[in-house]
């Protein structure tokens, strides 16, 4: 398989003009052949020989296209197969698109020739392949062509969460975007989860991709204990597409305006609760050697002994009185 990118101009412009001239001439010849056949054909009779009209030979050459990747700038890749070729014969191909032009002659090594085209911007393209004949030979061109598109990439998103770490505080989101199409402005905003049209948290950000098709945006002061959606929205418009002047080519719907969108849902944990200060407890008297505890205990003990002595004295006095 051969790999192709944008080559030097060299003399391929002349080859392309010749290819277009021959294919356009073939289209005109087909139309004229049908019209002249209708004009010259008169009423048939049994005595007249039937008029033989030369059959138009359809092309056996085929072309198939498989886009392999989207494109952000000049990084699209497309796989092309030229089929039903005759090994050893000479062919001419051309691929045209927005700021992209590749083509030239090649000799078929087998009945299928495969090529991978790289460095393709997003947009509408066509590829044509024709069997090559010497200029002096007047032959009906044997060719096939097809139109195709290289899609612009949809953005990719990653969101890093900064959790709330203090009571009454807030969290934040750091948004990283990639696969951004060159020259497109993207709006980035945050709402309550799933509510694209809801009130945004903070002002929406407008970003464009750098040389690596990446950008970032940050959102702070987001309350904890909630879920959010980060929304990304952009729009890309293709260059106007003109149908090539070839017959056939199948049905192709060209790209016009493409919405470039993505989103991501995230959640912030609730902020930590405020610390609780325990209630104050009563202070007990000191019980050490320097405290009031021993004196208090002694007083209690002495108080108890005095009461006992007083009671004993009273009993003795009552007994003495009785004996008298």
Protein backbone atom coordinates (compact mmCIF):
# COMPACT_ATOMS: atom_id res chain seq x y z
CA UNK A 1 0.00 0.00 0.00
CA UNK A 2 1.24 3.47 -0.85
CA UNK A 3 0.98 6.49 1.43
CA UNK A 4 0.29 9.89 -0.14
CA UNK A 5 0.33 13.45 1.14
CA UNK A 6 0.41 16.83 -0.61
CA UNK A 7 3.21 16.61 -3.23
CA UNK A 8 5.11 19.26 -5.10
CA UNK A 9 3.22 20.81 -8.01
CA UNK A 10 5.65 19.66 -10.73
CA UNK A 11 3.69 19.02 -13.93
CA UNK A 12 0.58 17.48 -12.33
CA UNK A 13 -1.47 20.60 -13.13
CA UNK A 14 -1.10 19.86 -16.82
CA UNK A 15 -1.99 16.22 -16.21
CA UNK A 16 -5.09 17.25 -14.31
CA UNK A 17 -6.22 19.58 -17.07
CA UNK A 18 -5.76 16.78 -19.60
CA UNK A 19 -7.72 14.38 -17.41
CA UNK A 20 -10.59 16.85 -17.04
CA UNK A 21 -10.57 17.56 -20.78
CA UNK A 22 -10.77 13.87 -21.68
CA UNK A 23 -13.49 13.07 -19.15
CA UNK A 24 -15.58 16.09 -20.16
CA UNK A 25 -15.16 15.16 -23.81
CA UNK A 26 -16.36 11.66 -23.02
CA UNK A 27 -19.48 13.03 -21.34
CA UNK A 28 -20.25 15.22 -24.36
CA UNK A 29 -19.62 12.30 -26.71
CA UNK A 30 -22.10 10.12 -24.86
CA UNK A 31 -24.80 12.80 -25.10
CA UNK A 32 -24.11 13.50 -28.78
CA UNK A 33 -24.06 9.83 -29.64
CA UNK A 34 -27.53 9.39 -28.21
CA UNK A 35 -28.86 12.49 -30.00
CA UNK A 36 -27.36 11.66 -33.40
CA UNK A 37 -28.63 8.12 -33.19
CA UNK A 38 -32.14 9.45 -32.72
CA UNK A 39 -31.81 11.87 -35.65
CA UNK A 40 -30.37 9.42 -38.18
CA UNK A 41 -32.67 6.55 -37.38
CA UNK A 42 -35.51 6.58 -39.91
CA UNK A 43 -38.54 4.33 -40.25
CA UNK A 44 -37.37 0.78 -40.69
CA UNK A 45 -38.60 -1.40 -43.50
CA UNK A 46 -38.19 -5.03 -44.35
CA UNK A 47 -35.81 -4.11 -47.19
CA UNK A 48 -33.53 -1.91 -45.09
CA UNK A 49 -30.71 -3.22 -42.98
CA UNK A 50 -31.06 -2.29 -39.32
CA UNK A 51 -28.92 0.64 -38.28
CA UNK A 52 -26.14 -0.42 -35.95
CA UNK A 53 -25.32 2.12 -33.23
CA UNK A 54 -21.98 1.72 -31.49
CA UNK A 55 -22.48 0.70 -27.89
CA UNK A 56 -21.06 2.97 -25.21
CA UNK A 57 -18.51 0.99 -23.20
CA UNK A 58 -18.96 1.53 -19.48
CA UNK A 59 -15.97 1.75 -17.24
CA UNK A 60 -14.74 -1.34 -15.48
CA UNK A 61 -12.50 0.69 -13.20
CA UNK A 62 -13.73 1.14 -9.67
CA UNK A 63 -12.83 3.38 -6.74
CA UNK A 64 -13.72 2.87 -3.08
CA UNK A 65 -13.17 5.32 -0.21
CA UNK A 66 -12.97 4.69 3.54
CA UNK A 67 -12.29 7.69 5.82
CA UNK A 68 -10.05 6.46 8.65
CA UNK A 69 -10.09 9.49 10.95
CA UNK A 70 -11.67 12.85 11.53
CA UNK A 71 -9.61 16.01 11.19
CA UNK A 72 -8.83 19.01 13.40
CA UNK A 73 -6.64 20.79 10.85
CA UNK A 74 -4.40 18.73 8.59
CA UNK A 75 -4.57 15.36 10.30
CA UNK A 76 -7.39 13.57 8.48
CA UNK A 77 -6.63 10.15 6.97
CA UNK A 78 -8.53 8.42 4.14
CA UNK A 79 -8.05 4.97 2.61
CA UNK A 80 -8.69 4.65 -1.16
CA UNK A 81 -8.82 1.51 -3.30
CA UNK A 82 -8.64 1.56 -7.12
CA UNK A 83 -10.15 -1.71 -8.35
CA UNK A 84 -10.53 -3.70 -11.59
CA UNK A 85 -7.16 -2.53 -12.87
CA UNK A 86 -5.04 -4.36 -15.46
CA UNK A 87 -1.55 -5.09 -14.13
CA UNK A 88 1.07 -3.30 -16.20
CA UNK A 89 -1.32 -0.65 -17.54
CA UNK A 90 -0.86 3.05 -16.84
CA UNK A 91 -3.39 5.02 -14.82
CA UNK A 92 -3.86 8.58 -13.64
CA UNK A 93 -5.54 9.57 -10.35
CA UNK A 94 -6.47 12.83 -8.67
CA UNK A 95 -7.79 13.74 -5.19
CA UNK A 96 -9.15 17.26 -4.68
CA UNK A 97 -10.46 18.98 -1.55
CA UNK A 98 -10.13 22.10 0.61
CA UNK A 99 -6.49 23.20 0.46
CA UNK A 100 -5.60 19.66 -0.64
CA UNK A 101 -4.58 18.34 -4.05
CA UNK A 102 -2.81 15.03 -4.74
CA UNK A 103 -2.51 13.17 -8.00
CA UNK A 104 -0.34 11.73 -10.72
CA UNK A 105 0.30 8.67 -12.88
CA UNK A 106 1.00 5.15 -11.67
CA UNK A 107 1.46 1.70 -13.13
CA UNK A 108 -0.85 -0.97 -11.78
CA UNK A 109 1.04 -3.74 -10.00
CA UNK A 110 -2.12 -5.81 -9.49
CA UNK A 111 -5.84 -5.53 -10.11
CA UNK A 112 -6.20 -3.49 -6.90
CA UNK A 113 -4.15 -0.43 -6.01
CA UNK A 114 -4.47 0.82 -2.41
CA UNK A 115 -3.43 4.22 -1.13
CA UNK A 116 -3.63 6.01 2.21
CA UNK A 117 -3.99 9.77 2.00
CA UNK A 118 -2.85 11.79 5.04
CA UNK A 119 -2.75 15.44 6.07
CA UNK A 120 -6.33 16.10 4.98
CA UNK A 121 -8.27 19.09 6.39
CA UNK A 122 -11.98 18.60 7.19
CA UNK A 123 -14.27 19.16 4.24
CA UNK A 124 -15.64 17.76 0.97
CA UNK A 125 -13.47 15.86 -1.54
CA UNK A 126 -13.57 13.80 -4.68
CA UNK A 127 -11.20 11.20 -6.13
CA UNK A 128 -11.02 10.12 -9.77
CA UNK A 129 -8.97 7.42 -11.49
CA UNK A 130 -8.62 6.97 -15.27
CA UNK A 131 -6.80 4.57 -17.51
CA UNK A 132 -4.03 6.51 -19.24
CA UNK A 133 -3.58 6.37 -23.03
CA UNK A 134 -1.06 8.09 -25.30
CA UNK A 135 -2.29 11.57 -26.33
CA UNK A 136 -2.50 10.57 -29.99
CA UNK A 137 -4.95 7.76 -29.27
CA UNK A 138 -8.59 8.80 -29.56
CA UNK A 139 -10.30 6.48 -27.10
CA UNK A 140 -13.24 6.77 -24.78
CA UNK A 141 -11.88 7.46 -21.30
CA UNK A 142 -12.16 4.53 -18.93
CA UNK A 143 -12.59 6.08 -15.49
CA UNK A 144 -14.46 6.11 -12.19
CA UNK A 145 -14.84 8.74 -9.47
CA UNK A 146 -16.55 9.28 -6.14
CA UNK A 147 -17.11 12.19 -3.75
CA UNK A 148 -16.54 11.84 -0.01
CA UNK A 149 -16.08 13.90 3.16
CA UNK A 150 -13.53 14.13 5.94
CA UNK A 151 -15.50 14.96 9.08
CA UNK A 152 -14.35 17.59 11.58
CA UNK A 153 -13.51 16.01 14.95
CA UNK A 154 -15.94 16.23 17.82
CA UNK A 155 -14.34 17.64 20.99
CA UNK A 156 -13.16 15.37 23.80
CA UNK A 157 -13.45 16.42 27.46
CA UNK A 158 -11.88 15.54 30.81
CA UNK A 159 -12.88 17.18 34.10
CA UNK A 160 -10.76 17.25 37.28
CA UNK A 161 -12.64 18.01 40.51
CA UNK A 162 -11.31 20.16 43.37
CA UNK A 163 -13.33 19.19 46.43
CA UNK A 164 -14.42 21.56 49.20
CA UNK A 165 -12.07 21.15 52.18
CA UNK A 166 -13.53 23.49 54.83
CA UNK A 167 -16.92 24.18 56.34
CA UNK A 168 -18.66 26.96 54.44
CA UNK A 169 -16.17 26.72 51.57
CA UNK A 170 -16.56 25.83 47.87
CA UNK A 171 -15.10 23.47 45.27
CA UNK A 172 -14.03 23.87 41.65
CA UNK A 173 -13.67 22.19 38.24
CA UNK A 174 -10.71 22.13 35.85
CA UNK A 175 -11.82 21.30 32.30
CA UNK A 176 -9.37 19.93 29.69
CA UNK A 177 -10.48 19.83 26.04
CA UNK A 178 -8.84 18.07 23.10
CA UNK A 179 -9.55 17.32 19.40
CA UNK A 180 -10.57 20.94 18.82
CA UNK A 181 -10.92 22.01 15.19
CA UNK A 182 -8.59 24.83 14.19
CA UNK A 183 -10.24 28.24 14.01
CA UNK A 184 -13.42 27.20 15.83
CA UNK A 185 -14.49 29.05 18.99
CA UNK A 186 -16.02 26.82 21.66
CA UNK A 187 -18.27 27.99 24.50
CA UNK A 188 -17.76 26.17 27.82
CA UNK A 189 -20.17 26.59 30.74
CA UNK A 190 -21.40 24.81 33.91
CA UNK A 191 -25.00 24.29 35.07
CA UNK A 192 -26.91 22.04 37.43
CA UNK A 193 -26.71 18.49 36.12
CA UNK A 194 -28.57 17.97 32.82
CA UNK A 195 -29.91 21.54 32.59
CA UNK A 196 -28.23 22.92 29.45
CA UNK A 197 -30.45 26.00 29.37
CA UNK A 198 -30.27 26.66 33.09
CA UNK A 199 -28.47 29.49 34.81
CA UNK A 200 -24.70 28.99 34.50
CA UNK A 201 -22.36 29.02 37.46
CA UNK A 202 -20.09 31.92 36.63
CA UNK A 203 -19.50 33.37 33.17
CA UNK A 204 -19.21 31.00 30.19
CA UNK A 205 -15.67 30.64 28.84
CA UNK A 206 -14.74 30.93 25.13
CA UNK A 207 -11.72 28.87 24.04
CA UNK A 208 -9.94 27.90 20.82
CA UNK A 209 -7.57 25.02 20.23
CA UNK A 210 -3.81 25.53 20.35
CA UNK A 211 -1.30 23.91 17.98
CA UNK A 212 -2.07 20.58 19.66
CA UNK A 213 -5.85 21.06 19.27
CA UNK A 214 -6.21 21.46 23.06
CA UNK A 215 -7.57 24.07 25.50
CA UNK A 216 -8.59 24.36 29.15
CA UNK A 217 -11.01 26.27 31.38
CA UNK A 218 -11.51 26.53 35.15
CA UNK A 219 -14.62 27.12 37.28
CA UNK A 220 -14.35 28.03 40.97
CA UNK A 221 -16.74 28.90 43.83
CA UNK A 222 -19.03 25.91 43.23
CA UNK A 223 -21.10 24.79 46.25
CA UNK A 224 -20.34 21.32 47.56
CA UNK A 225 -22.84 18.50 47.79
CA UNK A 226 -24.19 19.07 44.25
CA UNK A 227 -23.93 17.55 40.76
CA UNK A 228 -23.05 19.60 37.69
CA UNK A 229 -22.78 19.30 33.89
CA UNK A 230 -19.98 20.90 31.90
CA UNK A 231 -21.19 21.82 28.39
CA UNK A 232 -19.03 22.45 25.29
CA UNK A 233 -20.48 23.88 22.08
CA UNK A 234 -18.90 24.98 18.77
CA UNK A 235 -19.78 25.10 15.07
CA UNK A 236 -17.76 24.44 11.90
CA UNK A 237 -18.77 25.43 8.36
CA UNK A 238 -17.43 23.71 5.24
CA UNK A 239 -16.20 25.52 2.15
CA UNK A 240 -18.79 25.61 -0.65
CA UNK A 241 -18.85 22.33 -2.59
CA UNK A 242 -19.08 22.25 -6.39
CA UNK A 243 -20.05 19.03 -8.14
CA UNK A 244 -17.22 17.93 -10.49
CA UNK A 245 -18.08 17.81 -14.24
CA UNK A 246 -18.03 13.99 -14.38
CA UNK A 247 -20.77 11.49 -15.11
CA UNK A 248 -21.77 9.13 -12.30
CA UNK A 249 -20.10 9.28 -8.94
CA UNK A 250 -23.03 8.05 -6.86
CA UNK A 251 -25.11 10.00 -4.36
CA UNK A 252 -23.16 12.34 -2.13
CA UNK A 253 -24.49 14.74 0.48
CA UNK A 254 -21.76 17.32 1.13
CA UNK A 255 -20.94 18.69 4.54
CA UNK A 256 -22.31 22.16 5.25
CA UNK A 257 -22.43 23.23 8.93
CA UNK A 258 -21.48 20.72 11.62
CA UNK A 259 -22.21 21.17 15.34
CA UNK A 260 -19.23 20.29 17.53
CA UNK A 261 -20.49 19.47 21.03
CA UNK A 262 -19.81 17.38 24.11
CA UNK A 263 -20.61 17.38 27.85
CA UNK A 264 -19.61 15.70 31.10
CA UNK A 265 -21.40 15.19 34.43
CA UNK A 266 -19.49 15.59 37.70
CA UNK A 267 -20.30 15.76 41.41
CA UNK A 268 -18.81 17.67 44.32
CA UNK A 269 -18.88 16.11 47.79
CA UNK A 270 -20.45 18.06 50.61
CA UNK A 271 -18.15 20.38 52.53
CA UNK A 272 -16.91 19.08 55.91
CA UNK A 273 -19.12 19.92 58.90
CA UNK A 274 -18.01 22.68 61.26
CA UNK A 275 -16.18 21.33 64.37
CA UNK A 276 -18.34 21.06 67.55
CA UNK A 277 -16.96 22.72 70.77
CA UNK A 278 -17.93 20.63 73.88
CA UNK A 279 -19.80 22.38 76.79
CA UNK A 280 -17.67 23.43 79.87
CA UNK A 281 -17.80 21.12 83.05
CA UNK A 282 -17.78 22.30 86.73
CA UNK A 283 -14.40 22.54 88.48
CA UNK A 284 -13.95 20.24 91.44
CA UNK A 285 -11.85 21.27 94.50
CA UNK A 286 -8.26 20.31 94.40
CA UNK A 287 -7.37 17.14 96.30
CA UNK A 288 -3.63 17.57 96.48
CA UNK A 289 -1.60 18.30 99.59
CA UNK A 290 -1.96 22.04 98.99
CA UNK A 291 -5.67 21.99 98.29
CA UNK A 292 -8.66 22.50 100.53
CA UNK A 293 -9.62 18.84 100.47
CA UNK A 294 -7.75 17.73 103.63
CA UNK A 295 -8.98 20.64 105.72
CA UNK A 296 -12.54 20.00 104.57
CA UNK A 297 -12.22 16.32 105.41
CA UNK A 298 -10.74 17.10 108.83
CA UNK A 299 -13.56 19.50 109.55
CA UNK A 300 -16.08 16.85 108.66
CA UNK A 301 -14.37 14.33 110.89
CA UNK A 302 -14.08 16.79 113.80
CA UNK A 303 -17.65 17.83 113.38
CA UNK A 304 -18.73 14.23 113.59
CA UNK A 305 -16.63 13.56 116.79
CA UNK A 306 -17.99 16.66 118.58
CA UNK A 307 -21.55 15.57 118.00
CA UNK A 308 -20.79 12.12 119.38
CA UNK A 309 -19.12 13.57 122.52
CA UNK A 310 -22.05 15.90 123.10
CA UNK A 311 -24.51 13.03 122.92
CA UNK A 312 -22.38 10.93 125.36
CA UNK A 313 -22.25 13.81 127.93
CA UNK A 314 -26.01 14.23 127.86
CA UNK A 315 -26.57 10.53 128.49
CA UNK A 316 -24.22 10.62 131.48
CA UNK A 317 -26.03 13.60 133.03
CA UNK A 318 -29.40 11.90 132.71
CA UNK A 319 -28.05 8.75 134.39
CA UNK A 320 -26.61 10.72 137.36
CA UNK A 321 -29.94 12.46 137.95
CA UNK A 322 -31.81 9.17 138.13
CA UNK A 323 -29.45 7.77 140.80
CA UNK A 324 -30.05 10.69 143.06
